[in-house]
Amino acid sequence: LVWARVIDPGPLRPRLVWPVRIAYAASTMVVSWLLAITLVIVPHPIYGYYAALQTRPGGITALTDQQLAAGMMWVPGSIAYTITFIIGFYRWLEPDHSPRPAPAAFTT
């Protein structure tokens, strides 16, 4: 539902203009980055149940797994936002192709 405000989801048309869509995407990116940064700098695993497991996939610690997940949220997760910004700026700055009304005829 977050992306439905930014992209054109099929027959529905978003009501936001492109500058607002870009700002909306930027704000969601900042929230994602804040969560990723929090997961990286916390000195202990946040999810207690997963930390208490005896064995984990890959044999890594819960803290290492949390930090790897935060890195994946931060770096590859930013690719979708970067593509959104590029397309958004392109669509915002492209010329308007709507037909213009014909000028009124001069009468005397």
Protein backbone atom coordinates (compact mmCIF):
# COMPACT_ATOMS: atom_id res chain seq x y z
CA LEU A 1 0.00 0.00 0.00
CA VAL A 2 2.94 2.34 0.51
CA TRP A 3 4.03 2.03 -3.11
CA ALA A 4 0.47 2.60 -4.42
CA ARG A 5 0.94 6.29 -3.55
CA VAL A 6 4.10 6.51 -5.65
CA ILE A 7 3.53 4.31 -8.71
CA ASP A 8 0.56 4.08 -11.07
CA PRO A 9 -1.12 0.82 -9.96
CA GLY A 10 -2.98 -0.28 -13.08
CA PRO A 11 -6.35 1.33 -13.68
CA LEU A 12 -6.11 3.49 -10.56
CA ARG A 13 -4.32 6.82 -10.73
CA PRO A 14 -2.54 8.29 -7.72
CA ARG A 15 -3.70 11.75 -6.73
CA LEU A 16 -0.25 12.97 -5.78
CA VAL A 17 1.79 15.09 -8.18
CA TRP A 18 5.35 13.97 -8.91
CA PRO A 19 7.17 16.28 -6.46
CA VAL A 20 4.95 15.03 -3.63
CA ARG A 21 5.47 11.41 -4.73
CA ILE A 22 9.24 11.93 -4.62
CA ALA A 23 9.01 13.48 -1.14
CA TYR A 24 6.76 10.62 0.01
CA ALA A 25 9.27 8.03 -1.24
CA ALA A 26 12.13 9.94 0.40
CA SER A 27 10.33 9.93 3.74
CA THR A 28 9.74 6.16 3.57
CA MET A 29 13.40 5.67 2.65
CA VAL A 30 14.49 7.66 5.72
CA VAL A 31 12.30 5.49 7.96
CA SER A 32 13.81 2.35 6.42
CA TRP A 33 17.33 3.71 6.92
CA LEU A 34 16.62 4.61 10.56
CA LEU A 35 15.42 1.07 11.24
CA ALA A 36 18.47 -0.42 9.50
CA ILE A 37 20.87 1.86 11.40
CA THR A 38 19.17 0.94 14.67
CA LEU A 39 19.54 -2.78 13.92
CA VAL A 40 23.25 -2.32 13.12
CA ILE A 41 24.25 -0.31 16.19
CA VAL A 42 22.23 -2.16 18.86
CA PRO A 43 24.78 -4.23 20.86
CA HIS A 44 22.40 -7.16 21.48
CA PRO A 45 19.84 -9.13 19.44
CA ILE A 46 16.44 -7.46 19.49
CA TYR A 47 14.32 -10.55 18.85
CA GLY A 48 14.71 -12.58 22.05
CA TYR A 49 13.14 -15.80 20.76
CA TYR A 50 15.56 -16.04 17.85
CA ALA A 51 18.51 -15.23 20.14
CA ALA A 52 17.50 -18.09 22.47
CA LEU A 53 17.52 -20.75 19.74
CA GLN A 54 20.19 -23.42 20.16
CA THR A 55 20.98 -23.67 16.44
CA ARG A 56 20.56 -21.08 13.72
CA PRO A 57 20.77 -21.36 9.94
CA GLY A 58 24.35 -20.84 8.79
CA GLY A 59 25.74 -21.25 12.30
CA ILE A 60 26.09 -17.49 12.85
CA THR A 61 25.17 -15.63 16.00
CA ALA A 62 21.83 -13.87 16.32
CA LEU A 63 23.59 -10.49 16.50
CA THR A 64 25.55 -11.17 13.30
CA ASP A 65 22.37 -12.28 11.57
CA GLN A 66 20.61 -9.11 12.73
CA GLN A 67 23.46 -6.93 11.45
CA LEU A 68 23.55 -8.74 8.08
CA ALA A 69 19.79 -8.24 7.73
CA ALA A 70 20.20 -4.54 8.53
CA GLY A 71 22.87 -4.25 5.85
CA MET A 72 20.54 -5.88 3.33
CA MET A 73 17.76 -3.48 4.32
CA TRP A 74 20.07 -0.52 3.95
CA VAL A 75 22.09 -1.12 0.78
CA PRO A 76 20.08 -3.36 -1.59
CA GLY A 77 16.86 -1.92 -0.16
CA SER A 78 17.93 1.53 -1.33
CA ILE A 79 18.05 0.35 -4.95
CA ALA A 80 14.25 0.43 -5.24
CA TYR A 81 14.18 3.95 -3.84
CA THR A 82 16.95 5.10 -6.19
CA ILE A 83 15.05 3.76 -9.19
CA THR A 84 11.91 5.48 -7.90
CA PHE A 85 13.74 8.81 -7.58
CA ILE A 86 15.22 8.57 -11.09
CA ILE A 87 11.88 7.73 -12.69
CA GLY A 88 10.06 10.30 -10.54
CA PHE A 89 12.40 13.13 -11.50
CA TYR A 90 12.26 12.08 -15.15
CA ARG A 91 8.45 12.05 -15.15
CA TRP A 92 8.28 15.32 -13.23
CA LEU A 93 10.62 17.15 -15.60
CA GLU A 94 9.36 15.74 -18.91
CA PRO A 95 7.41 18.16 -21.09
CA ASP A 96 3.65 18.14 -20.86
CA HIS A 97 2.15 16.46 -23.93
CA SER A 98 -1.46 17.43 -23.29
CA PRO A 99 -3.17 19.22 -26.18
CA ARG A 100 -3.36 22.97 -25.82
CA PRO A 101 -6.54 24.84 -26.65
CA ALA A 102 -6.47 26.78 -29.89
CA PRO A 103 -6.03 30.53 -29.45
CA ALA A 104 -9.17 32.60 -29.76
CA ALA A 105 -9.73 34.18 -33.16
CA PHE A 106 -9.38 37.94 -33.42
CA THR A 107 -12.63 39.71 -34.14
CA THR A 108 -13.20 43.34 -34.99
